[in-house]
Amino acid sequence: MSRWPGNPKREITSFGSLDRSSLMTRVRSTGNATTEMRMAKLLRTARISGWRRHQDLPGKPDFCWPRERIALFVDGCFWHGHRCGKNISPKKNARLWAQKIKANQNRDRKNSRKLRNDGWMVLRVWECRLKKEPNDCISSIATLLSPVGKK
């Protein structure tokens, strides 16, 4: 991927008076409130146990159940290119952003394939679905964890 143009310390973003560098340092790769933390709370509320976080597996799943060999990724709509309407296309550096998101999608597919080849079931939940349909997300997980859901 090519180098991002401009000076990140001087470019003001559309997020108030934050420069690009300050904005990007606020983006969390783990512990994100709209994805990981929301899912952790839902899992606890549903009394679904046995999960671990950030295991050393391909793609570093957000949650996994090692005994059942289930890996769960909670993907942010913008960063992983979901076409739900939340995926706002940036106006500045649009081509580079498109390349970045495409690379993320390719990496996601590669990691899912690797996990499946290693005998894991992979479940991906979108940020928007987690927000709008949390009970459906939990039901999908519970079904995989139940003896009936296992193949």
N, C-alpha and C. Protein backbone atom coordinates (compact mmCIF):
# COMPACT_ATOMS: atom_id res chain seq x y z
N MET A 1 0.86 -1.17 0.00
CA MET A 1 0.00 0.00 0.00
C MET A 1 0.90 1.22 0.00
N SER A 2 0.45 2.25 -0.67
CA SER A 2 1.27 3.45 -0.77
C SER A 2 1.18 4.31 0.48
N ARG A 3 2.10 5.21 0.60
CA ARG A 3 2.19 6.10 1.75
C ARG A 3 1.07 7.14 1.70
N TRP A 4 0.51 7.46 2.86
CA TRP A 4 -0.57 8.43 2.94
C TRP A 4 -0.01 9.82 2.71
N PRO A 5 -0.67 10.61 1.87
CA PRO A 5 -0.18 11.95 1.57
C PRO A 5 -0.44 12.92 2.72
N GLY A 6 0.29 13.98 2.72
CA GLY A 6 0.05 15.05 3.70
C GLY A 6 0.73 14.84 5.03
N ASN A 7 0.56 15.81 5.89
CA ASN A 7 1.14 15.78 7.22
C ASN A 7 0.02 15.52 8.23
N PRO A 8 0.01 14.34 8.88
CA PRO A 8 -1.09 14.00 9.78
C PRO A 8 -1.20 14.92 11.00
N LYS A 9 -0.13 15.63 11.34
CA LYS A 9 -0.16 16.54 12.49
C LYS A 9 -0.79 17.88 12.14
N ARG A 10 -0.93 18.17 10.85
CA ARG A 10 -1.48 19.47 10.46
C ARG A 10 -2.85 19.38 9.78
N GLU A 11 -3.22 18.21 9.30
CA GLU A 11 -4.49 18.08 8.59
C GLU A 11 -5.65 17.94 9.58
N ILE A 12 -6.59 18.84 9.50
CA ILE A 12 -7.78 18.82 10.36
C ILE A 12 -8.81 17.90 9.71
N THR A 13 -9.44 17.06 10.53
CA THR A 13 -10.45 16.14 10.03
C THR A 13 -11.83 16.77 10.19
N SER A 14 -12.85 16.03 9.77
CA SER A 14 -14.22 16.50 9.94
C SER A 14 -14.75 16.20 11.34
N PHE A 15 -13.92 15.70 12.23
CA PHE A 15 -14.30 15.41 13.60
C PHE A 15 -13.85 16.54 14.51
N GLY A 16 -14.49 17.68 14.39
CA GLY A 16 -14.15 18.82 15.23
C GLY A 16 -12.78 19.35 14.88
N SER A 17 -12.01 19.67 15.90
CA SER A 17 -10.70 20.27 15.66
C SER A 17 -9.57 19.25 15.74
N LEU A 18 -9.90 17.96 15.73
CA LEU A 18 -8.86 16.94 15.80
C LEU A 18 -8.08 16.86 14.50
N ASP A 19 -6.76 16.78 14.63
CA ASP A 19 -5.97 16.51 13.43
C ASP A 19 -6.02 14.99 13.17
N ARG A 20 -5.63 14.58 11.98
CA ARG A 20 -5.74 13.17 11.59
C ARG A 20 -4.96 12.26 12.54
N SER A 21 -3.79 12.67 12.94
CA SER A 21 -2.97 11.85 13.83
C SER A 21 -3.67 11.64 15.17
N SER A 22 -4.25 12.70 15.73
CA SER A 22 -4.95 12.59 17.02
C SER A 22 -6.18 11.70 16.90
N LEU A 23 -6.88 11.84 15.79
CA LEU A 23 -8.07 11.04 15.57
C LEU A 23 -7.71 9.56 15.49
N MET A 24 -6.70 9.22 14.71
CA MET A 24 -6.34 7.82 14.50
C MET A 24 -5.80 7.17 15.77
N THR A 25 -5.18 7.94 16.66
CA THR A 25 -4.70 7.36 17.91
C THR A 25 -5.86 6.99 18.84
N ARG A 26 -7.04 7.54 18.58
CA ARG A 26 -8.21 7.20 19.40
C ARG A 26 -8.92 5.95 18.93
N VAL A 27 -8.59 5.47 17.74
CA VAL A 27 -9.21 4.27 17.21
C VAL A 27 -8.57 3.06 17.90
N ARG A 28 -9.41 2.28 18.57
CA ARG A 28 -8.90 1.13 19.32
C ARG A 28 -9.00 -0.14 18.51
N SER A 29 -7.98 -0.96 18.57
CA SER A 29 -8.04 -2.25 17.89
C SER A 29 -8.62 -3.31 18.80
N THR A 30 -8.54 -3.11 20.10
CA THR A 30 -9.15 -4.02 21.07
C THR A 30 -9.91 -3.19 22.10
N GLY A 31 -10.94 -3.80 22.66
CA GLY A 31 -11.70 -3.11 23.70
C GLY A 31 -12.62 -2.03 23.17
N ASN A 32 -13.00 -2.12 21.89
CA ASN A 32 -13.87 -1.12 21.28
C ASN A 32 -15.27 -1.22 21.88
N ALA A 33 -15.84 -0.10 22.28
CA ALA A 33 -17.14 -0.08 22.97
C ALA A 33 -18.29 -0.54 22.07
N THR A 34 -18.24 -0.23 20.78
CA THR A 34 -19.37 -0.58 19.91
C THR A 34 -19.31 -2.01 19.38
N THR A 35 -18.20 -2.68 19.59
CA THR A 35 -18.09 -4.05 19.09
C THR A 35 -17.76 -5.01 20.24
N GLU A 36 -16.53 -5.07 20.62
CA GLU A 36 -16.09 -6.04 21.63
C GLU A 36 -16.77 -5.90 22.98
N MET A 37 -16.79 -4.71 23.51
CA MET A 37 -17.33 -4.53 24.85
C MET A 37 -18.84 -4.79 24.86
N ARG A 38 -19.53 -4.39 23.79
CA ARG A 38 -20.96 -4.66 23.69
C ARG A 38 -21.20 -6.17 23.65
N MET A 39 -20.40 -6.89 22.86
CA MET A 39 -20.57 -8.34 22.77
C MET A 39 -20.26 -9.02 24.10
N ALA A 40 -19.21 -8.59 24.78
CA ALA A 40 -18.86 -9.18 26.08
C ALA A 40 -20.03 -9.01 27.06
N LYS A 41 -20.63 -7.84 27.05
CA LYS A 41 -21.77 -7.59 27.95
C LYS A 41 -22.95 -8.49 27.60
N LEU A 42 -23.23 -8.64 26.32
CA LEU A 42 -24.32 -9.51 25.89
C LEU A 42 -24.06 -10.97 26.26
N LEU A 43 -22.82 -11.42 26.09
CA LEU A 43 -22.48 -12.79 26.45
C LEU A 43 -22.67 -13.03 27.95
N ARG A 44 -22.24 -12.07 28.74
CA ARG A 44 -22.41 -12.20 30.20
C ARG A 44 -23.89 -12.20 30.59
N THR A 45 -24.65 -11.30 29.99
CA THR A 45 -26.08 -11.21 30.28
C THR A 45 -26.79 -12.50 29.91
N ALA A 46 -26.40 -13.10 28.78
CA ALA A 46 -27.00 -14.35 28.32
C ALA A 46 -26.44 -15.56 29.05
N ARG A 47 -25.49 -15.32 29.94
CA ARG A 47 -24.84 -16.39 30.71
C ARG A 47 -24.16 -17.43 29.81
N ILE A 48 -23.58 -16.93 28.75
CA ILE A 48 -22.78 -17.79 27.87
C ILE A 48 -21.35 -17.72 28.37
N SER A 49 -20.81 -18.86 28.72
CA SER A 49 -19.48 -18.88 29.34
C SER A 49 -18.51 -19.71 28.51
N GLY A 50 -17.30 -19.80 28.99
CA GLY A 50 -16.27 -20.61 28.34
C GLY A 50 -15.47 -19.87 27.29
N TRP A 51 -15.78 -18.60 27.07
CA TRP A 51 -15.08 -17.86 26.04
C TRP A 51 -13.80 -17.23 26.57
N ARG A 52 -12.90 -17.02 25.65
CA ARG A 52 -11.63 -16.35 25.92
C ARG A 52 -11.50 -15.22 24.92
N ARG A 53 -10.70 -14.24 25.27
CA ARG A 53 -10.50 -13.10 24.36
C ARG A 53 -9.06 -13.04 23.88
N HIS A 54 -8.89 -12.64 22.63
CA HIS A 54 -7.59 -12.34 22.04
C HIS A 54 -6.61 -13.50 22.14
N GLN A 55 -7.06 -14.66 21.76
CA GLN A 55 -6.19 -15.82 21.73
C GLN A 55 -5.25 -15.71 20.53
N ASP A 56 -4.15 -16.38 20.62
CA ASP A 56 -3.15 -16.33 19.55
C ASP A 56 -3.55 -17.29 18.43
N LEU A 57 -4.53 -16.84 17.65
CA LEU A 57 -5.04 -17.60 16.52
C LEU A 57 -4.98 -16.71 15.29
N PRO A 58 -5.06 -17.27 14.09
CA PRO A 58 -5.07 -16.42 12.90
C PRO A 58 -6.18 -15.37 12.96
N GLY A 59 -5.81 -14.14 12.74
CA GLY A 59 -6.78 -13.04 12.76
C GLY A 59 -7.10 -12.52 14.14
N LYS A 60 -6.59 -13.16 15.18
CA LYS A 60 -6.86 -12.78 16.57
C LYS A 60 -8.36 -12.57 16.80
N PRO A 61 -9.15 -13.65 16.83
CA PRO A 61 -10.59 -13.50 17.04
C PRO A 61 -10.86 -12.71 18.31
N ASP A 62 -11.97 -11.94 18.29
CA ASP A 62 -12.33 -11.15 19.47
C ASP A 62 -12.72 -12.07 20.62
N PHE A 63 -13.37 -13.18 20.30
CA PHE A 63 -13.78 -14.16 21.30
C PHE A 63 -13.58 -15.54 20.70
N CYS A 64 -13.25 -16.50 21.54
CA CYS A 64 -13.22 -17.87 21.06
C CYS A 64 -13.57 -18.81 22.20
N TRP A 65 -14.09 -19.95 21.82
CA TRP A 65 -14.40 -21.03 22.73
C TRP A 65 -13.46 -22.16 22.33
N PRO A 66 -12.30 -22.26 23.02
CA PRO A 66 -11.27 -23.22 22.59
C PRO A 66 -11.74 -24.67 22.58
N ARG A 67 -12.49 -25.07 23.59
CA ARG A 67 -12.92 -26.47 23.67
C ARG A 67 -13.85 -26.82 22.50
N GLU A 68 -14.73 -25.89 22.16
CA GLU A 68 -15.67 -26.11 21.06
C GLU A 68 -15.08 -25.74 19.70
N ARG A 69 -13.93 -25.08 19.73
CA ARG A 69 -13.25 -24.62 18.52
C ARG A 69 -14.13 -23.70 17.69
N ILE A 70 -14.64 -22.68 18.37
CA ILE A 70 -15.46 -21.65 17.73
C ILE A 70 -14.74 -20.32 17.88
N ALA A 71 -14.57 -19.61 16.77
CA ALA A 71 -13.93 -18.29 16.77
C ALA A 71 -14.97 -17.25 16.35
N LEU A 72 -15.06 -16.17 17.12
CA LEU A 72 -16.02 -15.11 16.85
C LEU A 72 -15.29 -13.80 16.61
N PHE A 73 -15.59 -13.19 15.48
CA PHE A 73 -15.06 -11.87 15.15
C PHE A 73 -16.24 -10.91 15.17
N VAL A 74 -16.07 -9.77 15.82
CA VAL A 74 -17.07 -8.70 15.80
C VAL A 74 -16.45 -7.58 14.98
N ASP A 75 -16.90 -7.45 13.75
CA ASP A 75 -16.27 -6.55 12.79
C ASP A 75 -16.97 -5.19 12.74
N GLY A 76 -16.17 -4.13 12.79
CA GLY A 76 -16.68 -2.78 12.62
C GLY A 76 -17.05 -2.56 11.16
N CYS A 77 -18.20 -1.95 10.94
CA CYS A 77 -18.72 -1.78 9.57
C CYS A 77 -17.78 -0.95 8.69
N PHE A 78 -17.24 0.13 9.21
CA PHE A 78 -16.36 0.97 8.39
C PHE A 78 -15.07 0.24 8.05
N TRP A 79 -14.37 -0.27 9.04
CA TRP A 79 -13.04 -0.83 8.85
C TRP A 79 -13.04 -2.10 8.02
N HIS A 80 -14.17 -2.83 8.03
CA HIS A 80 -14.21 -4.10 7.31
C HIS A 80 -15.09 -4.03 6.06
N GLY A 81 -15.56 -2.82 5.71
CA GLY A 81 -16.23 -2.60 4.44
C GLY A 81 -17.64 -3.15 4.31
N HIS A 82 -18.40 -3.14 5.41
CA HIS A 82 -19.79 -3.60 5.32
C HIS A 82 -20.63 -2.56 4.60
N ARG A 83 -21.48 -3.00 3.71
CA ARG A 83 -22.31 -2.07 2.92
C ARG A 83 -23.68 -1.89 3.56
N CYS A 84 -23.68 -1.40 4.78
CA CYS A 84 -24.93 -1.23 5.52
C CYS A 84 -25.36 0.23 5.59
N GLY A 85 -24.59 1.12 5.05
CA GLY A 85 -24.91 2.54 5.14
C GLY A 85 -24.01 3.27 6.12
N LYS A 86 -23.46 2.52 7.07
CA LYS A 86 -22.54 3.14 8.02
C LYS A 86 -21.14 3.27 7.41
N ASN A 87 -20.90 2.51 6.36
CA ASN A 87 -19.59 2.54 5.71
C ASN A 87 -19.48 3.82 4.89
N ILE A 88 -19.16 4.89 5.55
CA ILE A 88 -19.02 6.19 4.91
C ILE A 88 -17.72 6.21 4.13
N SER A 89 -17.81 6.57 2.87
CA SER A 89 -16.61 6.66 2.05
C SER A 89 -15.95 8.02 2.27
N PRO A 90 -14.73 8.03 2.76
CA PRO A 90 -14.03 9.30 2.97
C PRO A 90 -13.81 10.04 1.66
N LYS A 91 -13.87 11.35 1.73
CA LYS A 91 -13.65 12.18 0.54
C LYS A 91 -12.16 12.39 0.28
N LYS A 92 -11.40 12.63 1.36
CA LYS A 92 -9.96 12.79 1.20
C LYS A 92 -9.30 11.42 1.13
N ASN A 93 -8.36 11.28 0.23
CA ASN A 93 -7.60 10.03 0.07
C ASN A 93 -8.51 8.83 -0.16
N ALA A 94 -9.60 9.04 -0.92
CA ALA A 94 -10.60 8.00 -1.13
C ALA A 94 -9.97 6.71 -1.71
N ARG A 95 -9.06 6.86 -2.64
CA ARG A 95 -8.44 5.69 -3.25
C ARG A 95 -7.65 4.88 -2.22
N LEU A 96 -6.90 5.56 -1.38
CA LEU A 96 -6.10 4.86 -0.37
C LEU A 96 -6.99 4.19 0.68
N TRP A 97 -8.09 4.87 1.05
CA TRP A 97 -9.02 4.26 2.01
C TRP A 97 -9.64 3.01 1.40
N ALA A 98 -10.02 3.08 0.14
CA ALA A 98 -10.61 1.92 -0.53
C ALA A 98 -9.62 0.75 -0.55
N GLN A 99 -8.35 1.05 -0.82
CA GLN A 99 -7.31 0.01 -0.80
C GLN A 99 -7.17 -0.59 0.59
N LYS A 100 -7.19 0.26 1.61
CA LYS A 100 -7.04 -0.20 2.99
C LYS A 100 -8.18 -1.14 3.37
N ILE A 101 -9.41 -0.73 3.07
CA ILE A 101 -10.57 -1.55 3.43
C ILE A 101 -10.56 -2.86 2.64
N LYS A 102 -10.20 -2.80 1.37
CA LYS A 102 -10.10 -4.02 0.55
C LYS A 102 -9.05 -4.97 1.12
N ALA A 103 -7.92 -4.42 1.56
CA ALA A 103 -6.88 -5.25 2.18
C ALA A 103 -7.39 -5.89 3.47
N ASN A 104 -8.17 -5.14 4.24
CA ASN A 104 -8.77 -5.70 5.47
C ASN A 104 -9.69 -6.87 5.13
N GLN A 105 -10.51 -6.70 4.09
CA GLN A 105 -11.43 -7.76 3.69
C GLN A 105 -10.67 -9.00 3.22
N ASN A 106 -9.63 -8.80 2.45
CA ASN A 106 -8.81 -9.93 1.98
C ASN A 106 -8.17 -10.65 3.16
N ARG A 107 -7.65 -9.89 4.11
CA ARG A 107 -7.04 -10.48 5.30
C ARG A 107 -8.08 -11.26 6.11
N ASP A 108 -9.30 -10.70 6.24
CA ASP A 108 -10.37 -11.39 6.97
C ASP A 108 -10.68 -12.75 6.33
N ARG A 109 -10.81 -12.76 4.98
CA ARG A 109 -11.11 -14.01 4.28
C ARG A 109 -9.99 -15.03 4.48
N LYS A 110 -8.76 -14.57 4.37
CA LYS A 110 -7.60 -15.46 4.54
C LYS A 110 -7.58 -16.07 5.94
N ASN A 111 -7.82 -15.24 6.95
CA ASN A 111 -7.80 -15.73 8.33
C ASN A 111 -8.95 -16.69 8.61
N SER A 112 -10.14 -16.39 8.08
CA SER A 112 -11.28 -17.29 8.26
C SER A 112 -10.99 -18.65 7.61
N ARG A 113 -10.43 -18.61 6.41
CA ARG A 113 -10.09 -19.85 5.69
C ARG A 113 -9.08 -20.67 6.49
N LYS A 114 -8.06 -20.00 7.02
CA LYS A 114 -7.03 -20.69 7.80
C LYS A 114 -7.63 -21.35 9.04
N LEU A 115 -8.51 -20.61 9.75
CA LEU A 115 -9.15 -21.17 10.94
C LEU A 115 -10.01 -22.38 10.58
N ARG A 116 -10.79 -22.26 9.51
CA ARG A 116 -11.65 -23.39 9.10
C ARG A 116 -10.79 -24.60 8.72
N ASN A 117 -9.70 -24.35 8.03
CA ASN A 117 -8.79 -25.46 7.67
C ASN A 117 -8.18 -26.11 8.91
N ASP A 118 -8.06 -25.35 9.98
CA ASP A 118 -7.52 -25.88 11.24
C ASP A 118 -8.61 -26.48 12.14
N GLY A 119 -9.85 -26.58 11.61
CA GLY A 119 -10.92 -27.23 12.36
C GLY A 119 -11.78 -26.32 13.23
N TRP A 120 -11.69 -25.02 13.02
CA TRP A 120 -12.49 -24.07 13.80
C TRP A 120 -13.74 -23.69 13.03
N MET A 121 -14.82 -23.44 13.75
CA MET A 121 -16.01 -22.82 13.16
C MET A 121 -15.81 -21.31 13.34
N VAL A 122 -16.09 -20.56 12.30
CA VAL A 122 -15.88 -19.11 12.34
C VAL A 122 -17.22 -18.41 12.21
N LEU A 123 -17.45 -17.47 13.11
CA LEU A 123 -18.65 -16.65 13.07
C LEU A 123 -18.22 -15.20 13.06
N ARG A 124 -18.79 -14.44 12.12
CA ARG A 124 -18.51 -13.01 12.03
C ARG A 124 -19.80 -12.26 12.26
N VAL A 125 -19.76 -11.29 13.16
CA VAL A 125 -20.92 -10.46 13.48
C VAL A 125 -20.56 -9.03 13.14
N TRP A 126 -21.45 -8.37 12.41
CA TRP A 126 -21.24 -6.97 12.05
C TRP A 126 -21.67 -6.05 13.18
N GLU A 127 -20.96 -4.96 13.31
CA GLU A 127 -21.24 -3.93 14.32
C GLU A 127 -22.70 -3.47 14.25
N CYS A 128 -23.22 -3.23 13.05
CA CYS A 128 -24.59 -2.74 12.91
C CYS A 128 -25.60 -3.79 13.36
N ARG A 129 -25.34 -5.05 13.06
CA ARG A 129 -26.25 -6.13 13.47
C ARG A 129 -26.22 -6.29 14.99
N LEU A 130 -25.06 -6.15 15.56
CA LEU A 130 -24.93 -6.25 17.01
C LEU A 130 -25.74 -5.16 17.71
N LYS A 131 -25.79 -4.00 17.08
CA LYS A 131 -26.54 -2.88 17.64
C LYS A 131 -28.06 -3.06 17.46
N LYS A 132 -28.45 -3.45 16.24
CA LYS A 132 -29.87 -3.52 15.91
C LYS A 132 -30.55 -4.83 16.33
N GLU A 133 -29.80 -5.92 16.28
CA GLU A 133 -30.37 -7.25 16.54
C GLU A 133 -29.51 -8.05 17.52
N PRO A 134 -29.28 -7.51 18.72
CA PRO A 134 -28.38 -8.20 19.65
C PRO A 134 -28.85 -9.60 20.03
N ASN A 135 -30.16 -9.78 20.17
CA ASN A 135 -30.66 -11.11 20.55
C ASN A 135 -30.43 -12.14 19.45
N ASP A 136 -30.53 -11.72 18.19
CA ASP A 136 -30.24 -12.64 17.09
C ASP A 136 -28.78 -13.06 17.09
N CYS A 137 -27.90 -12.12 17.40
CA CYS A 137 -26.46 -12.43 17.46
C CYS A 137 -26.18 -13.45 18.55
N ILE A 138 -26.77 -13.24 19.71
CA ILE A 138 -26.57 -14.16 20.83
C ILE A 138 -27.17 -15.53 20.51
N SER A 139 -28.33 -15.54 19.85
CA SER A 139 -28.96 -16.81 19.46
C SER A 139 -28.07 -17.60 18.51
N SER A 140 -27.43 -16.91 17.57
CA SER A 140 -26.53 -17.58 16.63
C SER A 140 -25.37 -18.24 17.38
N ILE A 141 -24.84 -17.54 18.35
CA ILE A 141 -23.72 -18.08 19.13
C ILE A 141 -24.18 -19.26 19.98
N ALA A 142 -25.32 -19.09 20.64
CA ALA A 142 -25.86 -20.16 21.49
C ALA A 142 -26.14 -21.42 20.68
N THR A 143 -26.64 -21.25 19.46
CA THR A 143 -26.92 -22.40 18.59
C THR A 143 -25.63 -23.14 18.25
N LEU A 144 -24.58 -22.40 17.95
CA LEU A 144 -23.29 -23.05 17.65
C LEU A 144 -22.74 -23.78 18.87
N LEU A 145 -22.97 -23.22 20.04
CA LEU A 145 -22.44 -23.83 21.26
C LEU A 145 -23.26 -25.02 21.75
N SER A 146 -24.52 -25.11 21.32
CA SER A 146 -25.37 -26.21 21.77
C SER A 146 -24.97 -27.49 21.06
N PRO A 147 -25.22 -28.64 21.69
CA PRO A 147 -24.86 -29.91 21.05
C PRO A 147 -25.54 -30.10 19.70
N VAL A 148 -26.73 -29.53 19.51
CA VAL A 148 -27.46 -29.65 18.25
C VAL A 148 -26.74 -28.86 17.16
N GLY A 149 -26.12 -27.71 17.52
CA GLY A 149 -25.46 -26.85 16.55
C GLY A 149 -24.14 -27.41 16.05
N LYS A 150 -23.62 -28.42 16.72
CA LYS A 150 -22.32 -28.99 16.33
C LYS A 150 -22.51 -30.06 15.30
N LYS A 151 -21.58 -30.10 14.36
CA LYS A 151 -21.66 -31.09 13.29
C LYS A 151 -20.62 -32.15 13.48
